[in-house]
Amino acid sequence: MSFFKKLSAFIVVFFTCNVATYADGFNEIANYGFRYGPNLSWSLMGNTPFVWGQWLPQATGMLHYTWLEPLQDLAYGERLDVNPTYLRMDAALEVSPFYGGYLAGLGIRPLKTNPQLELNAVYESYLYFQSNLEMVTAEVEGEGRIAESWNADYITDNLYEDDGEVNYMQLIDLAASLSYSFPRGSILGVKFHYVLSDISTDFEGKSYDYRRNIPVFSRDFIIVLDGYGRIPLNNHFAVLFESNFYKTGLLREKNTVQKESLSYGKAMIGTHFFWDEGLQNIILEVGGWSRTENRFYNGSLAQQFLVQLEYQGYFSFPFHRNFSKEIR
């Protein structure tokens, strides 16, 4: 890949990060910033490897509306209590350099217990921005290797070509989370996703999920397992960590493997700075990622380190209550 194309791709990603959130995985900010009733937020997220190579940098922007309907006493405008119960309705618009679209979902947190259980179902629909590429999803001699196509150079070399596919992707994300709240506001939890994806493509089913950074078939499933934690230090800072594991499906016809099951893991740790009663938030994280099959990776160790920056701001509604400054 030429230096010019690398520089151009980096500028596109960086610019989008600053004008346009990573919607998958745990939202470290939500439980602190949410109020009962309407919540409207906008967020910007970007990440990049320390050394360019296998990891494709991500940059997304989102406008997200969430309504939390209390299952007990009405408390519109109040911050969530220690073990909240609610019905949840979500709608969002999302954009990145590679796709744009919307999501809509429903959820419920039914039990006023600790740990807390939440169930969610989300429908997502995205349009590729001339970025639907043909990926190698099974290693066949003479027909390419997954490690050669599942990298930043291959993707950025083939983006936005005249013959690039302008196709769409739709997904159904079924998720269940279990979180435990500690005294003084600390939280520890896990979240499981079962994602069904359907992509319009002419590449015999071979495509790419840019949000989750993994090759997929046109009809595939993705299993996602998230672990997360947040420890508040004072009224403005908290330490947080998260880990994510992604795994796609296997497709076999008789004795032929048409698609191998691909997977990788990612772990990040960082700091959360928040102000204005949790309505303004900045998260800075560092960490790394690794593919579970060595034969699917031909990069260096230095290319596996990541840095990620995210801003999320909530719009204040007139009936929001004022809160004390003490740590919850």
Foldseek 3Di string as FASTA:
>chain_A
DDPVLVVVLVVQQVVLLVVADLPDFDDPQDLQQDFAAKWWKKKWKWKAFPDAKQFAIWIKIKIKIKHWAFPDDGDGQERADDQTWTKMWMKMWMDTSFKTWMKIKIKTFHDSDFFTKMKMKMKIKIWTPLQWDFAQFDDDPPPDALLVCNGNVNRSVRGPDPPRDGWMKMKIKIKMKTKGADPLGKIWIKMKIKMWMAIDDPNQQWGADSSVSGIGGNTKIKIKMKIKIWADDFLFKIKMKMKMKIWIDWDDDDPDTRGDIWMKMWIKIWMWTADPSSQKIKTKIKTFMDTPDPRNHDDDPSRGIMIMIMIMGIDRDPPNDDDDSGGD
